[in-house]
Amino acid sequence: MESDRNNARVDKGTWTFLTNQAHVLICIAQNPVSLARDLAEQVGITERAVRRIIAELNEGGYLTLDREGRRNRYTVHAEMPMRHQVEGHCLVSDLLDTVLRPGTRGY
């Protein structure tokens, strides 16, 4: 039964369980020097939307960015609590640890 769930095809429908903010944060946690255009491609949104989300996450204290030459290096603050009341008892690290494969965590 477990293998059936793991092998199930991913439906590319119109909704997902996680927000675009979560998707961007997860992708940044995997690769802290991601480019906005690469994040946009991974998440399936525009580069402008990615930049807006990065600004929101930065303003909310969920990540910081440092300039390294012409690139940004992002630091995810995984110790922050999730924002919605339903999951507010969980930390960002709980989400990242659940979603990211071992060895792919850059945070």
PDB file of N, CA and C in Angstrom:
ATOM      1  N   MET A   1       0.824  -1.189   0.000  1.00  0.00           N
ATOM      2  CA  MET A   1       0.000   0.000   0.000  1.00  0.00           C
ATOM      3  C   MET A   1       0.869   1.254   0.000  1.00  0.00           C
ATOM      4  N   GLU A   2       1.911   1.251   0.840  1.00  0.00           N
ATOM      5  CA  GLU A   2       2.806   2.407   0.906  1.00  0.00           C
ATOM      6  C   GLU A   2       3.462   2.675  -0.438  1.00  0.00           C
ATOM      7  N   SER A   3       3.908   1.602  -1.110  1.00  0.00           N
ATOM      8  CA  SER A   3       4.563   1.793  -2.408  1.00  0.00           C
ATOM      9  C   SER A   3       3.587   2.324  -3.440  1.00  0.00           C
ATOM     10  N   ASP A   4       2.305   1.986  -3.329  1.00  0.00           N
ATOM     11  CA  ASP A   4       1.308   2.531  -4.244  1.00  0.00           C
ATOM     12  C   ASP A   4       1.224   4.040  -4.112  1.00  0.00           C
ATOM     13  N   ARG A   5       1.256   4.529  -2.890  1.00  0.00           N
ATOM     14  CA  ARG A   5       1.205   5.978  -2.663  1.00  0.00           C
ATOM     15  C   ARG A   5       2.466   6.641  -3.179  1.00  0.00           C
ATOM     16  N   ASN A   6       3.614   6.030  -2.946  1.00  0.00           N
ATOM     17  CA  ASN A   6       4.865   6.611  -3.389  1.00  0.00           C
ATOM     18  C   ASN A   6       5.000   6.612  -4.899  1.00  0.00           C
ATOM     19  N   ASN A   7       4.366   5.667  -5.556  1.00  0.00           N
ATOM     20  CA  ASN A   7       4.474   5.561  -7.002  1.00  0.00           C
ATOM     21  C   ASN A   7       3.321   6.245  -7.733  1.00  0.00           C
ATOM     22  N   ALA A   8       2.400   6.840  -6.997  1.00  0.00           N
ATOM     23  CA  ALA A   8       1.260   7.498  -7.623  1.00  0.00           C
ATOM     24  C   ALA A   8       1.744   8.651  -8.498  1.00  0.00           C
ATOM     25  N   ARG A   9       1.111   8.806  -9.636  1.00  0.00           N
ATOM     26  CA  ARG A   9       1.461   9.919 -10.527  1.00  0.00           C
ATOM     27  C   ARG A   9       1.031  11.232  -9.890  1.00  0.00           C
ATOM     28  N   VAL A  10       1.845  12.244 -10.077  1.00  0.00           N
ATOM     29  CA  VAL A  10       1.513  13.565  -9.570  1.00  0.00           C
ATOM     30  C   VAL A  10       0.577  14.223 -10.567  1.00  0.00           C
ATOM     31  N   ASP A  11      -0.605  14.582 -10.098  1.00  0.00           N
ATOM     32  CA  ASP A  11      -1.580  15.259 -10.939  1.00  0.00           C
ATOM     33  C   ASP A  11      -1.190  16.720 -11.055  1.00  0.00           C
ATOM     34  N   LYS A  12      -1.063  17.209 -12.254  1.00  0.00           N
ATOM     35  CA  LYS A  12      -0.707  18.610 -12.483  1.00  0.00           C
ATOM     36  C   LYS A  12      -1.989  19.449 -12.564  1.00  0.00           C
ATOM     37  N   GLY A  13      -2.874  19.270 -11.597  1.00  0.00           N
ATOM     38  CA  GLY A  13      -4.149  19.966 -11.576  1.00  0.00           C
ATOM     39  C   GLY A  13      -4.007  21.434 -11.222  1.00  0.00           C
ATOM     40  N   THR A  14      -5.093  22.022 -10.829  1.00  0.00           N
ATOM     41  CA  THR A  14      -5.128  23.463 -10.610  1.00  0.00           C
ATOM     42  C   THR A  14      -4.845  23.861  -9.171  1.00  0.00           C
ATOM     43  N   TRP A  15      -4.643  22.917  -8.272  1.00  0.00           N
ATOM     44  CA  TRP A  15      -4.362  23.278  -6.883  1.00  0.00           C
ATOM     45  C   TRP A  15      -3.289  22.373  -6.308  1.00  0.00           C
ATOM     46  N   THR A  16      -2.689  22.847  -5.224  1.00  0.00           N
ATOM     47  CA  THR A  16      -1.674  22.064  -4.516  1.00  0.00           C
ATOM     48  C   THR A  16      -1.924  22.217  -3.024  1.00  0.00           C
ATOM     49  N   PHE A  17      -1.252  21.404  -2.237  1.00  0.00           N
ATOM     50  CA  PHE A  17      -1.410  21.478  -0.797  1.00  0.00           C
ATOM     51  C   PHE A  17      -0.608  22.620  -0.183  1.00  0.00           C
ATOM     52  N   LEU A  18       0.426  23.068  -0.863  1.00  0.00           N
ATOM     53  CA  LEU A  18       1.278  24.125  -0.331  1.00  0.00           C
ATOM     54  C   LEU A  18       1.169  25.375  -1.187  1.00  0.00           C
ATOM     55  N   THR A  19       1.444  26.516  -0.573  1.00  0.00           N
ATOM     56  CA  THR A  19       1.377  27.794  -1.278  1.00  0.00           C
ATOM     57  C   THR A  19       2.629  28.020  -2.109  1.00  0.00           C
ATOM     58  N   ASN A  20       2.571  29.012  -2.971  1.00  0.00           N
ATOM     59  CA  ASN A  20       3.756  29.397  -3.725  1.00  0.00           C
ATOM     60  C   ASN A  20       4.850  29.902  -2.792  1.00  0.00           C
ATOM     61  N   GLN A  21       4.476  30.543  -1.691  1.00  0.00           N
ATOM     62  CA  GLN A  21       5.467  30.981  -0.703  1.00  0.00           C
ATOM     63  C   GLN A  21       6.229  29.778  -0.154  1.00  0.00           C
ATOM     64  N   ALA A  22       5.505  28.725   0.173  1.00  0.00           N
ATOM     65  CA  ALA A  22       6.153  27.511   0.673  1.00  0.00           C
ATOM     66  C   ALA A  22       7.044  26.907  -0.394  1.00  0.00           C
ATOM     67  N   HIS A  23       6.565  26.863  -1.632  1.00  0.00           N
ATOM     68  CA  HIS A  23       7.365  26.291  -2.710  1.00  0.00           C
ATOM     69  C   HIS A  23       8.665  27.063  -2.912  1.00  0.00           C
ATOM     70  N   VAL A  24       8.588  28.389  -2.918  1.00  0.00           N
ATOM     71  CA  VAL A  24       9.797  29.203  -3.088  1.00  0.00           C
ATOM     72  C   VAL A  24      10.744  28.964  -1.922  1.00  0.00           C
ATOM     73  N   LEU A  25      10.220  28.954  -0.708  1.00  0.00           N
ATOM     74  CA  LEU A  25      11.055  28.742   0.471  1.00  0.00           C
ATOM     75  C   LEU A  25      11.729  27.361   0.434  1.00  0.00           C
ATOM     76  N   ILE A  26      10.998  26.353   0.043  1.00  0.00           N
ATOM     77  CA  ILE A  26      11.551  25.001  -0.061  1.00  0.00           C
ATOM     78  C   ILE A  26      12.671  24.968  -1.101  1.00  0.00           C
ATOM     79  N   CYS A  27      12.448  25.584  -2.248  1.00  0.00           N
ATOM     80  CA  CYS A  27      13.472  25.608  -3.299  1.00  0.00           C
ATOM     81  C   CYS A  27      14.712  26.366  -2.842  1.00  0.00           C
ATOM     82  N   ILE A  28      14.523  27.463  -2.126  1.00  0.00           N
ATOM     83  CA  ILE A  28      15.664  28.223  -1.604  1.00  0.00           C
ATOM     84  C   ILE A  28      16.404  27.402  -0.553  1.00  0.00           C
ATOM     85  N   ALA A  29      15.671  26.666   0.272  1.00  0.00           N
ATOM     86  CA  ALA A  29      16.314  25.825   1.283  1.00  0.00           C
ATOM     87  C   ALA A  29      17.185  24.755   0.622  1.00  0.00           C
ATOM     88  N   GLN A  30      16.786  24.289  -0.546  1.00  0.00           N
ATOM     89  CA  GLN A  30      17.580  23.303  -1.291  1.00  0.00           C
ATOM     90  C   GLN A  30      18.806  23.937  -1.922  1.00  0.00           C
ATOM     91  N   ASN A  31      18.660  25.173  -2.390  1.00  0.00           N
ATOM     92  CA  ASN A  31      19.748  25.843  -3.094  1.00  0.00           C
ATOM     93  C   ASN A  31      19.755  27.323  -2.704  1.00  0.00           C
ATOM     94  N   PRO A  32      20.529  27.690  -1.684  1.00  0.00           N
ATOM     95  CA  PRO A  32      20.525  29.063  -1.168  1.00  0.00           C
ATOM     96  C   PRO A  32      21.047  30.129  -2.130  1.00  0.00           C
ATOM     97  N   VAL A  33      21.587  29.737  -3.269  1.00  0.00           N
ATOM     98  CA  VAL A  33      22.040  30.725  -4.255  1.00  0.00           C
ATOM     99  C   VAL A  33      21.198  30.647  -5.532  1.00  0.00           C
ATOM    100  N   SER A  34      19.968  30.217  -5.395  1.00  0.00           N
ATOM    101  CA  SER A  34      19.057  30.114  -6.532  1.00  0.00           C
ATOM    102  C   SER A  34      18.830  31.471  -7.171  1.00  0.00           C
ATOM    103  N   LEU A  35      18.684  31.461  -8.483  1.00  0.00           N
ATOM    104  CA  LEU A  35      18.302  32.659  -9.216  1.00  0.00           C
ATOM    105  C   LEU A  35      16.783  32.725  -9.284  1.00  0.00           C
ATOM    106  N   ALA A  36      16.241  33.944  -9.286  1.00  0.00           N
ATOM    107  CA  ALA A  36      14.789  34.120  -9.340  1.00  0.00           C
ATOM    108  C   ALA A  36      14.198  33.439 -10.570  1.00  0.00           C
ATOM    109  N   ARG A  37      14.883  33.507 -11.692  1.00  0.00           N
ATOM    110  CA  ARG A  37      14.329  32.878 -12.905  1.00  0.00           C
ATOM    111  C   ARG A  37      14.273  31.359 -12.763  1.00  0.00           C
ATOM    112  N   ASP A  38      15.263  30.781 -12.065  1.00  0.00           N
ATOM    113  CA  ASP A  38      15.252  29.333 -11.838  1.00  0.00           C
ATOM    114  C   ASP A  38      14.144  28.948 -10.861  1.00  0.00           C
ATOM    115  N   LEU A  39      13.956  29.757  -9.832  1.00  0.00           N
ATOM    116  CA  LEU A  39      12.872  29.507  -8.883  1.00  0.00           C
ATOM    117  C   LEU A  39      11.523  29.588  -9.581  1.00  0.00           C
ATOM    118  N   ALA A  40      11.365  30.585 -10.445  1.00  0.00           N
ATOM    119  CA  ALA A  40      10.112  30.755 -11.177  1.00  0.00           C
ATOM    120  C   ALA A  40       9.808  29.516 -12.017  1.00  0.00           C
ATOM    121  N   GLU A  41      10.827  28.993 -12.667  1.00  0.00           N
ATOM    122  CA  GLU A  41      10.640  27.796 -13.489  1.00  0.00           C
ATOM    123  C   GLU A  41      10.277  26.585 -12.632  1.00  0.00           C
ATOM    124  N   GLN A  42      10.971  26.420 -11.498  1.00  0.00           N
ATOM    125  CA  GLN A  42      10.700  25.276 -10.617  1.00  0.00           C
ATOM    126  C   GLN A  42       9.285  25.326 -10.056  1.00  0.00           C
ATOM    127  N   VAL A  43       8.863  26.513  -9.611  1.00  0.00           N
ATOM    128  CA  VAL A  43       7.575  26.652  -8.941  1.00  0.00           C
ATOM    129  C   VAL A  43       6.430  26.766  -9.949  1.00  0.00           C
ATOM    130  N   GLY A  44       6.736  27.268 -11.138  1.00  0.00           N
ATOM    131  CA  GLY A  44       5.703  27.423 -12.156  1.00  0.00           C
ATOM    132  C   GLY A  44       4.972  28.740 -12.071  1.00  0.00           C
ATOM    133  N   ILE A  45       5.698  29.784 -11.649  1.00  0.00           N
ATOM    134  CA  ILE A  45       5.135  31.125 -11.557  1.00  0.00           C
ATOM    135  C   ILE A  45       6.095  32.087 -12.246  1.00  0.00           C
ATOM    136  N   THR A  46       5.718  33.359 -12.324  1.00  0.00           N
ATOM    137  CA  THR A  46       6.571  34.331 -12.993  1.00  0.00           C
ATOM    138  C   THR A  46       7.741  34.744 -12.109  1.00  0.00           C
ATOM    139  N   GLU A  47       8.777  35.246 -12.737  1.00  0.00           N
ATOM    140  CA  GLU A  47       9.929  35.753 -11.992  1.00  0.00           C
ATOM    141  C   GLU A  47       9.511  36.928 -11.110  1.00  0.00           C
ATOM    142  N   ARG A  48       8.598  37.736 -11.602  1.00  0.00           N
ATOM    143  CA  ARG A  48       8.089  38.868 -10.808  1.00  0.00           C
ATOM    144  C   ARG A  48       7.401  38.371  -9.539  1.00  0.00           C
ATOM    145  N   ALA A  49       6.615  37.312  -9.657  1.00  0.00           N
ATOM    146  CA  ALA A  49       5.943  36.737  -8.485  1.00  0.00           C
ATOM    147  C   ALA A  49       6.963  36.188  -7.493  1.00  0.00           C
ATOM    148  N   VAL A  50       8.020  35.562  -8.002  1.00  0.00           N
ATOM    149  CA  VAL A  50       9.077  35.048  -7.129  1.00  0.00           C
ATOM    150  C   VAL A  50       9.726  36.185  -6.364  1.00  0.00           C
ATOM    151  N   ARG A  51      10.031  37.283  -7.046  1.00  0.00           N
ATOM    152  CA  ARG A  51      10.661  38.429  -6.378  1.00  0.00           C
ATOM    153  C   ARG A  51       9.751  39.009  -5.293  1.00  0.00           C
ATOM    154  N   ARG A  52       8.445  39.035  -5.569  1.00  0.00           N
ATOM    155  CA  ARG A  52       7.484  39.522  -4.571  1.00  0.00           C
ATOM    156  C   ARG A  52       7.462  38.591  -3.358  1.00  0.00           C
ATOM    157  N   ILE A  53       7.453  37.291  -3.605  1.00  0.00           N
ATOM    158  CA  ILE A  53       7.444  36.311  -2.520  1.00  0.00           C
ATOM    159  C   ILE A  53       8.720  36.403  -1.700  1.00  0.00           C
ATOM    160  N   ILE A  54       9.858  36.544  -2.354  1.00  0.00           N
ATOM    161  CA  ILE A  54      11.124  36.684  -1.639  1.00  0.00           C
ATOM    162  C   ILE A  54      11.081  37.917  -0.744  1.00  0.00           C
ATOM    163  N   ALA A  55      10.535  39.021  -1.257  1.00  0.00           N
ATOM    164  CA  ALA A  55      10.410  40.240  -0.453  1.00  0.00           C
ATOM    165  C   ALA A  55       9.499  40.000   0.750  1.00  0.00           C
ATOM    166  N   GLU A  56       8.386  39.293   0.552  1.00  0.00           N
ATOM    167  CA  GLU A  56       7.474  38.978   1.658  1.00  0.00           C
ATOM    168  C   GLU A  56       8.155  38.106   2.707  1.00  0.00           C
ATOM    169  N   LEU A  57       8.858  37.082   2.258  1.00  0.00           N
ATOM    170  CA  LEU A  57       9.548  36.189   3.192  1.00  0.00           C
ATOM    171  C   LEU A  57      10.647  36.933   3.947  1.00  0.00           C
ATOM    172  N   ASN A  58      11.327  37.832   3.268  1.00  0.00           N
ATOM    173  CA  ASN A  58      12.365  38.643   3.895  1.00  0.00           C
ATOM    174  C   ASN A  58      11.748  39.584   4.935  1.00  0.00           C
ATOM    175  N   GLU A  59      10.701  40.281   4.560  1.00  0.00           N
ATOM    176  CA  GLU A  59      10.021  41.201   5.477  1.00  0.00           C
ATOM    177  C   GLU A  59       9.442  40.466   6.679  1.00  0.00           C
ATOM    178  N   GLY A  60       8.989  39.241   6.474  1.00  0.00           N
ATOM    179  CA  GLY A  60       8.408  38.450   7.553  1.00  0.00           C
ATOM    180  C   GLY A  60       9.446  37.801   8.459  1.00  0.00           C
ATOM    181  N   GLY A  61      10.719  37.911   8.097  1.00  0.00           N
ATOM    182  CA  GLY A  61      11.780  37.330   8.906  1.00  0.00           C
ATOM    183  C   GLY A  61      12.055  35.868   8.613  1.00  0.00           C
ATOM    184  N   TYR A  62      11.498  35.353   7.519  1.00  0.00           N
ATOM    185  CA  TYR A  62      11.660  33.941   7.186  1.00  0.00           C
ATOM    186  C   TYR A  62      12.913  33.657   6.367  1.00  0.00           C
ATOM    187  N   LEU A  63      13.473  34.697   5.768  1.00  0.00           N
ATOM    188  CA  LEU A  63      14.761  34.553   5.116  1.00  0.00           C
ATOM    189  C   LEU A  63      15.446  35.900   5.040  1.00  0.00           C
ATOM    190  N   THR A  64      16.747  35.855   4.917  1.00  0.00           N
ATOM    191  CA  THR A  64      17.538  37.056   4.674  1.00  0.00           C
ATOM    192  C   THR A  64      18.373  36.791   3.434  1.00  0.00           C
ATOM    193  N   LEU A  65      18.824  37.872   2.822  1.00  0.00           N
ATOM    194  CA  LEU A  65      19.661  37.711   1.655  1.00  0.00           C
ATOM    195  C   LEU A  65      20.907  38.559   1.794  1.00  0.00           C
ATOM    196  N   ASP A  66      21.977  38.019   1.298  1.00  0.00           N
ATOM    197  CA  ASP A  66      23.264  38.699   1.268  1.00  0.00           C
ATOM    198  C   ASP A  66      23.750  38.695  -0.164  1.00  0.00           C
ATOM    199  N   ARG A  67      24.268  39.823  -0.602  1.00  0.00           N
ATOM    200  CA  ARG A  67      24.829  39.917  -1.943  1.00  0.00           C
ATOM    201  C   ARG A  67      26.200  39.258  -1.963  1.00  0.00           C
ATOM    202  N   GLU A  68      26.427  38.422  -2.933  1.00  0.00           N
ATOM    203  CA  GLU A  68      27.729  37.811  -3.182  1.00  0.00           C
ATOM    204  C   GLU A  68      28.068  38.090  -4.638  1.00  0.00           C
ATOM    205  N   GLY A  69      28.762  39.180  -4.859  1.00  0.00           N
ATOM    206  CA  GLY A  69      29.022  39.594  -6.238  1.00  0.00           C
ATOM    207  C   GLY A  69      27.725  40.014  -6.891  1.00  0.00           C
ATOM    208  N   ARG A  70      27.372  39.325  -7.974  1.00  0.00           N
ATOM    209  CA  ARG A  70      26.138  39.653  -8.692  1.00  0.00           C
ATOM    210  C   ARG A  70      24.976  38.757  -8.284  1.00  0.00           C
ATOM    211  N   ARG A  71      25.198  37.885  -7.329  1.00  0.00           N
ATOM    212  CA  ARG A  71      24.170  36.932  -6.901  1.00  0.00           C
ATOM    213  C   ARG A  71      23.753  37.194  -5.464  1.00  0.00           C
ATOM    214  N   ASN A  72      22.618  36.638  -5.107  1.00  0.00           N
ATOM    215  CA  ASN A  72      22.149  36.658  -3.725  1.00  0.00           C
ATOM    216  C   ASN A  72      22.386  35.290  -3.104  1.00  0.00           C
ATOM    217  N   ARG A  73      22.731  35.286  -1.835  1.00  0.00           N
ATOM    218  CA  ARG A  73      22.753  34.055  -1.045  1.00  0.00           C
ATOM    219  C   ARG A  73      21.661  34.239   0.003  1.00  0.00           C
ATOM    220  N   TYR A  74      20.747  33.296   0.038  1.00  0.00           N
ATOM    221  CA  TYR A  74      19.619  33.361   0.959  1.00  0.00           C
ATOM    222  C   TYR A  74      19.889  32.496   2.182  1.00  0.00           C
ATOM    223  N   THR A  75      19.449  32.981   3.327  1.00  0.00           N
ATOM    224  CA  THR A  75      19.490  32.208   4.564  1.00  0.00           C
ATOM    225  C   THR A  75      18.058  32.015   5.024  1.00  0.00           C
ATOM    226  N   VAL A  76      17.634  30.776   5.097  1.00  0.00           N
ATOM    227  CA  VAL A  76      16.283  30.453   5.569  1.00  0.00           C
ATOM    228  C   VAL A  76      16.327  30.380   7.091  1.00  0.00           C
ATOM    229  N   HIS A  77      15.377  31.032   7.734  1.00  0.00           N
ATOM    230  CA  HIS A  77      15.279  31.012   9.194  1.00  0.00           C
ATOM    231  C   HIS A  77      14.266  29.940   9.592  1.00  0.00           C
ATOM    232  N   ALA A  78      14.768  28.718   9.627  1.00  0.00           N
ATOM    233  CA  ALA A  78      13.930  27.543   9.844  1.00  0.00           C
ATOM    234  C   ALA A  78      13.369  27.465  11.252  1.00  0.00           C
ATOM    235  N   GLU A  79      13.877  28.291  12.164  1.00  0.00           N
ATOM    236  CA  GLU A  79      13.386  28.292  13.546  1.00  0.00           C
ATOM    237  C   GLU A  79      12.103  29.111  13.712  1.00  0.00           C
ATOM    238  N   MET A  80      11.677  29.771  12.638  1.00  0.00           N
ATOM    239  CA  MET A  80      10.467  30.594  12.691  1.00  0.00           C
ATOM    240  C   MET A  80       9.221  29.707  12.690  1.00  0.00           C
ATOM    241  N   PRO A  81       8.162  30.174  13.365  1.00  0.00           N
ATOM    242  CA  PRO A  81       6.912  29.404  13.355  1.00  0.00           C
ATOM    243  C   PRO A  81       6.177  29.561  12.028  1.00  0.00           C
ATOM    244  N   MET A  82       5.390  28.572  11.675  1.00  0.00           N
ATOM    245  CA  MET A  82       4.529  28.671  10.507  1.00  0.00           C
ATOM    246  C   MET A  82       3.515  29.785  10.776  1.00  0.00           C
ATOM    247  N   ARG A  83       2.967  30.381   9.733  1.00  0.00           N
ATOM    248  CA  ARG A  83       2.167  31.606   9.887  1.00  0.00           C
ATOM    249  C   ARG A  83       0.678  31.391  10.144  1.00  0.00           C
ATOM    250  N   HIS A  84       0.105  30.320   9.682  1.00  0.00           N
ATOM    251  CA  HIS A  84      -1.336  30.127   9.821  1.00  0.00           C
ATOM    252  C   HIS A  84      -1.651  29.489  11.164  1.00  0.00           C
ATOM    253  N   GLN A  85      -2.807  29.815  11.716  1.00  0.00           N
ATOM    254  CA  GLN A  85      -3.174  29.292  13.041  1.00  0.00           C
ATOM    255  C   GLN A  85      -3.264  27.766  13.065  1.00  0.00           C
ATOM    256  N   VAL A  86      -3.582  27.158  11.943  1.00  0.00           N
ATOM    257  CA  VAL A  86      -3.699  25.704  11.900  1.00  0.00           C
ATOM    258  C   VAL A  86      -2.349  25.022  12.127  1.00  0.00           C
ATOM    259  N   GLU A  87      -1.282  25.591  11.537  1.00  0.00           N
ATOM    260  CA  GLU A  87       0.033  24.988  11.693  1.00  0.00           C
ATOM    261  C   GLU A  87       0.985  25.860  12.490  1.00  0.00           C
ATOM    262  N   GLY A  88       0.477  26.870  13.178  1.00  0.00           N
ATOM    263  CA  GLY A  88       1.307  27.796  13.934  1.00  0.00           C
ATOM    264  C   GLY A  88       2.130  27.150  15.040  1.00  0.00           C
ATOM    265  N   HIS A  89       1.757  25.972  15.464  1.00  0.00           N
ATOM    266  CA  HIS A  89       2.520  25.250  16.484  1.00  0.00           C
ATOM    267  C   HIS A  89       3.751  24.567  15.894  1.00  0.00           C
ATOM    268  N   CYS A  90       3.886  24.601  14.567  1.00  0.00           N
ATOM    269  CA  CYS A  90       5.023  23.982  13.874  1.00  0.00           C
ATOM    270  C   CYS A  90       6.026  25.041  13.443  1.00  0.00           C
ATOM    271  N   LEU A  91       7.263  24.615  13.312  1.00  0.00           N
ATOM    272  CA  LEU A  91       8.316  25.498  12.818  1.00  0.00           C
ATOM    273  C   LEU A  91       8.516  25.266  11.326  1.00  0.00           C
ATOM    274  N   VAL A  92       9.125  26.236  10.663  1.00  0.00           N
ATOM    275  CA  VAL A  92       9.466  26.081   9.251  1.00  0.00           C
ATOM    276  C   VAL A  92      10.342  24.842   9.067  1.00  0.00           C
ATOM    277  N   SER A  93      11.226  24.580  10.018  1.00  0.00           N
ATOM    278  CA  SER A  93      12.091  23.397   9.921  1.00  0.00           C
ATOM    279  C   SER A  93      11.273  22.114   9.863  1.00  0.00           C
ATOM    280  N   ASP A  94      10.124  22.064  10.517  1.00  0.00           N
ATOM    281  CA  ASP A  94       9.265  20.879  10.450  1.00  0.00           C
ATOM    282  C   ASP A  94       8.801  20.634   9.010  1.00  0.00           C
ATOM    283  N   LEU A  95       8.404  21.705   8.342  1.00  0.00           N
ATOM    284  CA  LEU A  95       7.991  21.601   6.946  1.00  0.00           C
ATOM    285  C   LEU A  95       9.162  21.156   6.080  1.00  0.00           C
ATOM    286  N   LEU A  96      10.290  21.820   6.224  1.00  0.00           N
ATOM    287  CA  LEU A  96      11.454  21.511   5.387  1.00  0.00           C
ATOM    288  C   LEU A  96      11.940  20.088   5.617  1.00  0.00           C
ATOM    289  N   ASP A  97      11.971  19.662   6.864  1.00  0.00           N
ATOM    290  CA  ASP A  97      12.419  18.304   7.168  1.00  0.00           C
ATOM    291  C   ASP A  97      11.469  17.254   6.598  1.00  0.00           C
ATOM    292  N   THR A  98      10.201  17.599   6.503  1.00  0.00           N
ATOM    293  CA  THR A  98       9.207  16.683   5.948  1.00  0.00           C
ATOM    294  C   THR A  98       9.303  16.610   4.432  1.00  0.00           C
ATOM    295  N   VAL A  99       9.527  17.731   3.796  1.00  0.00           N
ATOM    296  CA  VAL A  99       9.454  17.810   2.341  1.00  0.00           C
ATOM    297  C   VAL A  99      10.779  17.517   1.644  1.00  0.00           C
ATOM    298  N   LEU A 100      11.874  17.996   2.202  1.00  0.00           N
ATOM    299  CA  LEU A 100      13.162  17.849   1.528  1.00  0.00           C
ATOM    300  C   LEU A 100      13.762  16.473   1.747  1.00  0.00           C
ATOM    301  N   ARG A 101      14.387  15.968   0.722  1.00  0.00           N
ATOM    302  CA  ARG A 101      15.094  14.694   0.822  1.00  0.00           C
ATOM    303  C   ARG A 101      16.378  14.904   1.610  1.00  0.00           C
ATOM    304  N   PRO A 102      16.779  13.932   2.392  1.00  0.00           N
ATOM    305  CA  PRO A 102      18.071  14.043   3.095  1.00  0.00           C
ATOM    306  C   PRO A 102      19.185  14.336   2.094  1.00  0.00           C
ATOM    307  N   GLY A 103      20.078  15.212   2.494  1.00  0.00           N
ATOM    308  CA  GLY A 103      21.194  15.570   1.628  1.00  0.00           C
ATOM    309  C   GLY A 103      20.905  16.715   0.690  1.00  0.00           C
ATOM    310  N   THR A 104      19.652  17.192   0.662  1.00  0.00           N
ATOM    311  CA  THR A 104      19.317  18.307  -0.231  1.00  0.00           C
ATOM    312  C   THR A 104      19.026  19.574   0.542  1.00  0.00           C
ATOM    313  N   ARG A 105      19.323  19.556   1.807  1.00  0.00           N
ATOM    314  CA  ARG A 105      19.007  20.720   2.649  1.00  0.00           C
ATOM    315  C   ARG A 105      20.178  21.682   2.666  1.00  0.00           C
ATOM    316  N   GLY A 106      19.940  22.897   2.205  1.00  0.00           N
ATOM    317  CA  GLY A 106      20.981  23.906   2.198  1.00  0.00           C
ATOM    318  C   GLY A 106      20.802  24.939   3.291  1.00  0.00           C
ATOM    319  N   TYR A 107      19.843  24.726   4.162  1.00  0.00           N
ATOM    320  CA  TYR A 107      19.569  25.714   5.218  1.00  0.00           C
ATOM    321  C   TYR A 107      20.262  25.354   6.504  1.00  0.00           C
TER     322      TYR A 107
END
